[in-house]
Amino acid sequence: KNLMKALMRCDVAVGATKGKNRSPILVN
């Protein structure tokens, strides 16, 4: 819910995550 609100209002979103084999999809 918090992430959704922040993305709706933002001008720039930076994806900076990593996983063991691939990065998890956190924004659908």
PDB file of all heavy atoms in Angstrom:
ATOM      1  N   LYS A   1       0.837  -1.213   0.000  1.00  0.00           N
ATOM      2  CA  LYS A   1       0.000   0.000   0.000  1.00  0.00           C
ATOM      3  C   LYS A   1       0.869   1.260   0.000  1.00  0.00           C
ATOM      4  O   LYS A   1       0.628   2.202  -0.761  1.00  0.00           O
ATOM      5  CB  LYS A   1      -0.929  -0.009   1.211  1.00  0.00           C
ATOM      6  CG  LYS A   1      -1.989   1.086   1.178  1.00  0.00           C
ATOM      7  CD  LYS A   1      -2.913   1.022   2.385  1.00  0.00           C
ATOM      8  CE  LYS A   1      -3.862  -0.157   2.288  1.00  0.00           C
ATOM      9  NZ  LYS A   1      -4.867  -0.148   3.393  1.00  0.00           N
ATOM     10  N   ASN A   2       1.905   1.269   0.865  1.00  0.00           N
ATOM     11  CA  ASN A   2       2.809   2.425   0.926  1.00  0.00           C
ATOM     12  C   ASN A   2       3.580   2.604  -0.371  1.00  0.00           C
ATOM     13  O   ASN A   2       3.767   3.724  -0.866  1.00  0.00           O
ATOM     14  CB  ASN A   2       3.792   2.274   2.086  1.00  0.00           C
ATOM     15  CG  ASN A   2       3.119   2.375   3.433  1.00  0.00           C
ATOM     16  OD1 ASN A   2       1.997   2.865   3.537  1.00  0.00           O
ATOM     17  ND2 ASN A   2       3.789   1.899   4.478  1.00  0.00           N
ATOM     18  N   LEU A   3       4.048   1.480  -0.936  1.00  0.00           N
ATOM     19  CA  LEU A   3       4.806   1.541  -2.184  1.00  0.00           C
ATOM     20  C   LEU A   3       3.917   2.050  -3.321  1.00  0.00           C
ATOM     21  O   LEU A   3       4.348   2.872  -4.139  1.00  0.00           O
ATOM     22  CB  LEU A   3       5.377   0.160  -2.511  1.00  0.00           C
ATOM     23  CG  LEU A   3       6.205   0.048  -3.795  1.00  0.00           C
ATOM     24  CD1 LEU A   3       7.403   0.986  -3.764  1.00  0.00           C
ATOM     25  CD2 LEU A   3       6.682  -1.396  -4.007  1.00  0.00           C
ATOM     26  N   MET A   4       2.698   1.573  -3.357  1.00  0.00           N
ATOM     27  CA  MET A   4       1.750   1.999  -4.406  1.00  0.00           C
ATOM     28  C   MET A   4       1.506   3.508  -4.341  1.00  0.00           C
ATOM     29  O   MET A   4       1.550   4.210  -5.357  1.00  0.00           O
ATOM     30  CB  MET A   4       0.428   1.244  -4.221  1.00  0.00           C
ATOM     31  CG  MET A   4      -0.596   1.511  -5.298  1.00  0.00           C
ATOM     32  SD  MET A   4      -0.189   0.618  -6.791  1.00  0.00           S
ATOM     33  CE  MET A   4      -1.762   0.684  -7.631  1.00  0.00           C
ATOM     34  N   LYS A   5       1.282   4.025  -3.128  1.00  0.00           N
ATOM     35  CA  LYS A   5       1.045   5.465  -2.954  1.00  0.00           C
ATOM     36  C   LYS A   5       2.252   6.270  -3.419  1.00  0.00           C
ATOM     37  O   LYS A   5       2.114   7.292  -4.100  1.00  0.00           O
ATOM     38  CB  LYS A   5       0.770   5.778  -1.473  1.00  0.00           C
ATOM     39  CG  LYS A   5      -0.630   5.439  -1.009  1.00  0.00           C
ATOM     40  CD  LYS A   5      -0.791   5.841   0.460  1.00  0.00           C
ATOM     41  CE  LYS A   5      -2.169   5.463   0.985  1.00  0.00           C
ATOM     42  NZ  LYS A   5      -2.301   5.805   2.431  1.00  0.00           N
ATOM     43  N   ALA A   6       3.439   5.808  -3.036  1.00  0.00           N
ATOM     44  CA  ALA A   6       4.669   6.530  -3.392  1.00  0.00           C
ATOM     45  C   ALA A   6       4.882   6.535  -4.904  1.00  0.00           C
ATOM     46  O   ALA A   6       5.265   7.560  -5.487  1.00  0.00           O
ATOM     47  CB  ALA A   6       5.871   5.892  -2.682  1.00  0.00           C
ATOM     48  N   LEU A   7       4.628   5.396  -5.559  1.00  0.00           N
ATOM     49  CA  LEU A   7       4.819   5.311  -7.015  1.00  0.00           C
ATOM     50  C   LEU A   7       3.817   6.184  -7.759  1.00  0.00           C
ATOM     51  O   LEU A   7       4.139   6.773  -8.797  1.00  0.00           O
ATOM     52  CB  LEU A   7       4.692   3.858  -7.473  1.00  0.00           C
ATOM     53  CG  LEU A   7       5.850   2.924  -7.080  1.00  0.00           C
ATOM     54  CD1 LEU A   7       5.500   1.478  -7.387  1.00  0.00           C
ATOM     55  CD2 LEU A   7       7.134   3.320  -7.801  1.00  0.00           C
ATOM     56  N   MET A   8       2.602   6.290  -7.257  1.00  0.00           N
ATOM     57  CA  MET A   8       1.581   7.119  -7.900  1.00  0.00           C
ATOM     58  C   MET A   8       1.972   8.595  -7.901  1.00  0.00           C
ATOM     59  O   MET A   8       1.607   9.342  -8.820  1.00  0.00           O
ATOM     60  CB  MET A   8       0.232   6.942  -7.186  1.00  0.00           C
ATOM     61  CG  MET A   8      -0.431   5.595  -7.416  1.00  0.00           C
ATOM     62  SD  MET A   8      -1.913   5.353  -6.405  1.00  0.00           S
ATOM     63  CE  MET A   8      -3.025   6.565  -7.092  1.00  0.00           C
ATOM     64  N   ARG A   9       2.729   9.010  -6.894  1.00  0.00           N
ATOM     65  CA  ARG A   9       3.071  10.431  -6.751  1.00  0.00           C
ATOM     66  C   ARG A   9       4.459  10.782  -7.283  1.00  0.00           C
ATOM     67  O   ARG A   9       4.780  11.962  -7.452  1.00  0.00           O
ATOM     68  CB  ARG A   9       3.007  10.823  -5.266  1.00  0.00           C
ATOM     69  CG  ARG A   9       1.619  10.705  -4.672  1.00  0.00           C
ATOM     70  CD  ARG A   9       1.652  10.873  -3.173  1.00  0.00           C
ATOM     71  NE  ARG A   9       0.314  10.706  -2.581  1.00  0.00           N
ATOM     72  CZ  ARG A   9       0.072  10.599  -1.295  1.00  0.00           C
ATOM     73  NH1 ARG A   9       1.073  10.626  -0.425  1.00  0.00           N
ATOM     74  NH2 ARG A   9      -1.162  10.448  -0.841  1.00  0.00           N
ATOM     75  N   CYS A  10       5.297   9.769  -7.541  1.00  0.00           N
ATOM     76  CA  CYS A  10       6.706  10.053  -7.840  1.00  0.00           C
ATOM     77  C   CYS A  10       6.912  10.484  -9.293  1.00  0.00           C
ATOM     78  O   CYS A  10       6.097  10.186 -10.175  1.00  0.00           O
ATOM     79  CB  CYS A  10       7.578   8.841  -7.516  1.00  0.00           C
ATOM     80  SG  CYS A  10       7.520   7.538  -8.750  1.00  0.00           S
ATOM     81  N   ASP A  11       8.019  11.177  -9.517  1.00  0.00           N
ATOM     82  CA  ASP A  11       8.452  11.549 -10.867  1.00  0.00           C
ATOM     83  C   ASP A  11       9.522  10.600 -11.387  1.00  0.00           C
ATOM     84  O   ASP A  11       9.689  10.426 -12.587  1.00  0.00           O
ATOM     85  CB  ASP A  11       8.999  12.983 -10.861  1.00  0.00           C
ATOM     86  CG  ASP A  11       7.970  13.983 -10.359  1.00  0.00           C
ATOM     87  OD1 ASP A  11       6.948  14.156 -11.048  1.00  0.00           O
ATOM     88  OD2 ASP A  11       8.172  14.557  -9.269  1.00  0.00           O
ATOM     89  N   VAL A  12      10.284  10.008 -10.450  1.00  0.00           N
ATOM     90  CA  VAL A  12      11.356   9.069 -10.804  1.00  0.00           C
ATOM     91  C   VAL A  12      11.308   7.882  -9.845  1.00  0.00           C
ATOM     92  O   VAL A  12      11.171   8.068  -8.627  1.00  0.00           O
ATOM     93  CB  VAL A  12      12.759   9.739 -10.700  1.00  0.00           C
ATOM     94  CG1 VAL A  12      13.865   8.724 -10.978  1.00  0.00           C
ATOM     95  CG2 VAL A  12      12.872  10.912 -11.649  1.00  0.00           C
ATOM     96  N   ALA A  13      11.410   6.667 -10.393  1.00  0.00           N
ATOM     97  CA  ALA A  13      11.509   5.460  -9.573  1.00  0.00           C
ATOM     98  C   ALA A  13      12.780   4.721  -9.966  1.00  0.00           C
ATOM     99  O   ALA A  13      13.013   4.461 -11.152  1.00  0.00           O
ATOM    100  CB  ALA A  13      10.292   4.563  -9.767  1.00  0.00           C
ATOM    101  N   VAL A  14      13.609   4.410  -8.980  1.00  0.00           N
ATOM    102  CA  VAL A  14      14.885   3.719  -9.223  1.00  0.00           C
ATOM    103  C   VAL A  14      14.807   2.323  -8.629  1.00  0.00           C
ATOM    104  O   VAL A  14      14.553   2.163  -7.432  1.00  0.00           O
ATOM    105  CB  VAL A  14      16.072   4.492  -8.598  1.00  0.00           C
ATOM    106  CG1 VAL A  14      17.383   3.726  -8.805  1.00  0.00           C
ATOM    107  CG2 VAL A  14      16.173   5.892  -9.192  1.00  0.00           C
ATOM    108  N   GLY A  15      15.029   1.310  -9.458  1.00  0.00           N
ATOM    109  CA  GLY A  15      15.062  -0.076  -8.985  1.00  0.00           C
ATOM    110  C   GLY A  15      16.488  -0.480  -8.692  1.00  0.00           C
ATOM    111  O   GLY A  15      17.332  -0.484  -9.596  1.00  0.00           O
ATOM    112  N   ALA A  16      16.783  -0.797  -7.439  1.00  0.00           N
ATOM    113  CA  ALA A  16      18.168  -1.089  -7.037  1.00  0.00           C
ATOM    114  C   ALA A  16      18.225  -2.298  -6.117  1.00  0.00           C
ATOM    115  O   ALA A  16      18.876  -2.275  -5.076  1.00  0.00           O
ATOM    116  CB  ALA A  16      18.770   0.140  -6.340  1.00  0.00           C
ATOM    117  N   THR A  17      17.543  -3.365  -6.511  1.00  0.00           N
ATOM    118  CA  THR A  17      17.550  -4.577  -5.688  1.00  0.00           C
ATOM    119  C   THR A  17      18.298  -5.694  -6.404  1.00  0.00           C
ATOM    120  O   THR A  17      18.525  -5.638  -7.611  1.00  0.00           O
ATOM    121  CB  THR A  17      16.119  -5.064  -5.410  1.00  0.00           C
ATOM    122  OG1 THR A  17      15.489  -5.393  -6.651  1.00  0.00           O
ATOM    123  CG2 THR A  17      15.314  -4.000  -4.693  1.00  0.00           C
ATOM    124  N   LYS A  18      18.685  -6.693  -5.655  1.00  0.00           N
ATOM    125  CA  LYS A  18      19.311  -7.869  -6.259  1.00  0.00           C
ATOM    126  C   LYS A  18      18.843  -9.103  -5.502  1.00  0.00           C
ATOM    127  O   LYS A  18      18.428  -9.038  -4.342  1.00  0.00           O
ATOM    128  CB  LYS A  18      20.839  -7.776  -6.214  1.00  0.00           C
ATOM    129  CG  LYS A  18      21.441  -7.714  -4.817  1.00  0.00           C
ATOM    130  CD  LYS A  18      22.950  -7.631  -4.889  1.00  0.00           C
ATOM    131  CE  LYS A  18      23.559  -7.607  -3.477  1.00  0.00           C
ATOM    132  NZ  LYS A  18      25.020  -7.546  -3.508  1.00  0.00           N
ATOM    133  N   GLY A  19      18.895 -10.237  -6.162  1.00  0.00           N
ATOM    134  CA  GLY A  19      18.508 -11.497  -5.551  1.00  0.00           C
ATOM    135  C   GLY A  19      19.612 -12.518  -5.712  1.00  0.00           C
ATOM    136  O   GLY A  19      20.696 -12.208  -6.215  1.00  0.00           O
ATOM    137  N   LYS A  20      19.334 -13.741  -5.314  1.00  0.00           N
ATOM    138  CA  LYS A  20      20.355 -14.781  -5.403  1.00  0.00           C
ATOM    139  C   LYS A  20      20.620 -15.162  -6.858  1.00  0.00           C
ATOM    140  O   LYS A  20      21.761 -15.201  -7.302  1.00  0.00           O
ATOM    141  CB  LYS A  20      19.912 -16.007  -4.600  1.00  0.00           C
ATOM    142  CG  LYS A  20      20.995 -17.048  -4.440  1.00  0.00           C
ATOM    143  CD  LYS A  20      20.580 -18.154  -3.500  1.00  0.00           C
ATOM    144  CE  LYS A  20      21.724 -19.159  -3.315  1.00  0.00           C
ATOM    145  NZ  LYS A  20      21.341 -20.275  -2.421  1.00  0.00           N
ATOM    146  N   ASN A  21      19.569 -15.447  -7.600  1.00  0.00           N
ATOM    147  CA  ASN A  21      19.711 -15.801  -9.009  1.00  0.00           C
ATOM    148  C   ASN A  21      19.180 -14.716  -9.940  1.00  0.00           C
ATOM    149  O   ASN A  21      19.695 -14.528 -11.027  1.00  0.00           O
ATOM    150  CB  ASN A  21      18.994 -17.126  -9.311  1.00  0.00           C
ATOM    151  CG  ASN A  21      19.664 -18.302  -8.633  1.00  0.00           C
ATOM    152  OD1 ASN A  21      20.881 -18.359  -8.551  1.00  0.00           O
ATOM    153  ND2 ASN A  21      18.873 -19.234  -8.125  1.00  0.00           N
ATOM    154  N   ARG A  22      18.154 -14.009  -9.523  1.00  0.00           N
ATOM    155  CA  ARG A  22      17.648 -12.856 -10.266  1.00  0.00           C
ATOM    156  C   ARG A  22      16.998 -11.890  -9.286  1.00  0.00           C
ATOM    157  O   ARG A  22      16.681 -12.254  -8.159  1.00  0.00           O
ATOM    158  CB  ARG A  22      16.638 -13.288 -11.356  1.00  0.00           C
ATOM    159  CG  ARG A  22      15.224 -13.426 -10.855  1.00  0.00           C
ATOM    160  CD  ARG A  22      14.155 -13.617 -11.885  1.00  0.00           C
ATOM    161  NE  ARG A  22      14.084 -12.725 -12.994  1.00  0.00           N
ATOM    162  CZ  ARG A  22      13.599 -11.491 -12.963  1.00  0.00           C
ATOM    163  NH1 ARG A  22      13.167 -10.962 -11.817  1.00  0.00           N
ATOM    164  NH2 ARG A  22      13.543 -10.759 -14.055  1.00  0.00           N
ATOM    165  N   SER A  23      16.838 -10.668  -9.723  1.00  0.00           N
ATOM    166  CA  SER A  23      16.185  -9.679  -8.866  1.00  0.00           C
ATOM    167  C   SER A  23      14.709 -10.027  -8.705  1.00  0.00           C
ATOM    168  O   SER A  23      14.059 -10.409  -9.676  1.00  0.00           O
ATOM    169  CB  SER A  23      16.306  -8.287  -9.493  1.00  0.00           C
ATOM    170  OG  SER A  23      17.648  -7.888  -9.563  1.00  0.00           O
ATOM    171  N   PRO A  24      14.172  -9.891  -7.496  1.00  0.00           N
ATOM    172  CA  PRO A  24      12.738 -10.148  -7.320  1.00  0.00           C
ATOM    173  C   PRO A  24      11.913  -9.038  -7.967  1.00  0.00           C
ATOM    174  O   PRO A  24      12.304  -7.867  -7.947  1.00  0.00           O
ATOM    175  CB  PRO A  24      12.567 -10.135  -5.793  1.00  0.00           C
ATOM    176  CG  PRO A  24      13.695  -9.294  -5.295  1.00  0.00           C
ATOM    177  CD  PRO A  24      14.840  -9.509  -6.241  1.00  0.00           C
ATOM    178  N   ILE A  25      10.786  -9.397  -8.572  1.00  0.00           N
ATOM    179  CA  ILE A  25       9.896  -8.385  -9.162  1.00  0.00           C
ATOM    180  C   ILE A  25       9.058  -7.785  -8.036  1.00  0.00           C
ATOM    181  O   ILE A  25       8.196  -8.450  -7.463  1.00  0.00           O
ATOM    182  CB  ILE A  25       9.004  -9.013 -10.253  1.00  0.00           C
ATOM    183  CG1 ILE A  25       9.863  -9.466 -11.428  1.00  0.00           C
ATOM    184  CG2 ILE A  25       7.955  -8.001 -10.725  1.00  0.00           C
ATOM    185  CD1 ILE A  25       9.117 -10.194 -12.521  1.00  0.00           C
ATOM    186  N   LEU A  26       9.346  -6.534  -7.723  1.00  0.00           N
ATOM    187  CA  LEU A  26       8.684  -5.859  -6.600  1.00  0.00           C
ATOM    188  C   LEU A  26       7.621  -4.871  -7.051  1.00  0.00           C
ATOM    189  O   LEU A  26       6.803  -4.443  -6.245  1.00  0.00           O
ATOM    190  CB  LEU A  26       9.747  -5.138  -5.750  1.00  0.00           C
ATOM    191  CG  LEU A  26      10.841  -6.046  -5.148  1.00  0.00           C
ATOM    192  CD1 LEU A  26      11.915  -5.203  -4.474  1.00  0.00           C
ATOM    193  CD2 LEU A  26      10.239  -7.034  -4.160  1.00  0.00           C
ATOM    194  N   VAL A  27       7.664  -4.490  -8.334  1.00  0.00           N
ATOM    195  CA  VAL A  27       6.670  -3.553  -8.878  1.00  0.00           C
ATOM    196  C   VAL A  27       5.995  -4.237 -10.059  1.00  0.00           C
ATOM    197  O   VAL A  27       6.627  -4.484 -11.092  1.00  0.00           O
ATOM    198  CB  VAL A  27       7.331  -2.233  -9.334  1.00  0.00           C
ATOM    199  CG1 VAL A  27       6.275  -1.280  -9.898  1.00  0.00           C
ATOM    200  CG2 VAL A  27       8.086  -1.581  -8.188  1.00  0.00           C
ATOM    201  N   ASN A  28       4.704  -4.564  -9.896  1.00  0.00           N
ATOM    202  CA  ASN A  28       4.004  -5.256 -10.981  1.00  0.00           C
ATOM    203  C   ASN A  28       3.479  -4.256 -12.010  1.00  0.00           C
ATOM    204  O   ASN A  28       3.574  -3.040 -11.841  1.00  0.00           O
ATOM    205  CB  ASN A  28       2.887  -6.144 -10.429  1.00  0.00           C
ATOM    206  CG  ASN A  28       1.852  -5.359  -9.631  1.00  0.00           C
ATOM    207  OD1 ASN A  28       1.544  -4.207  -9.943  1.00  0.00           O
ATOM    208  ND2 ASN A  28       1.314  -5.980  -8.582  1.00  0.00           N
TER     209      ASN A  28
END
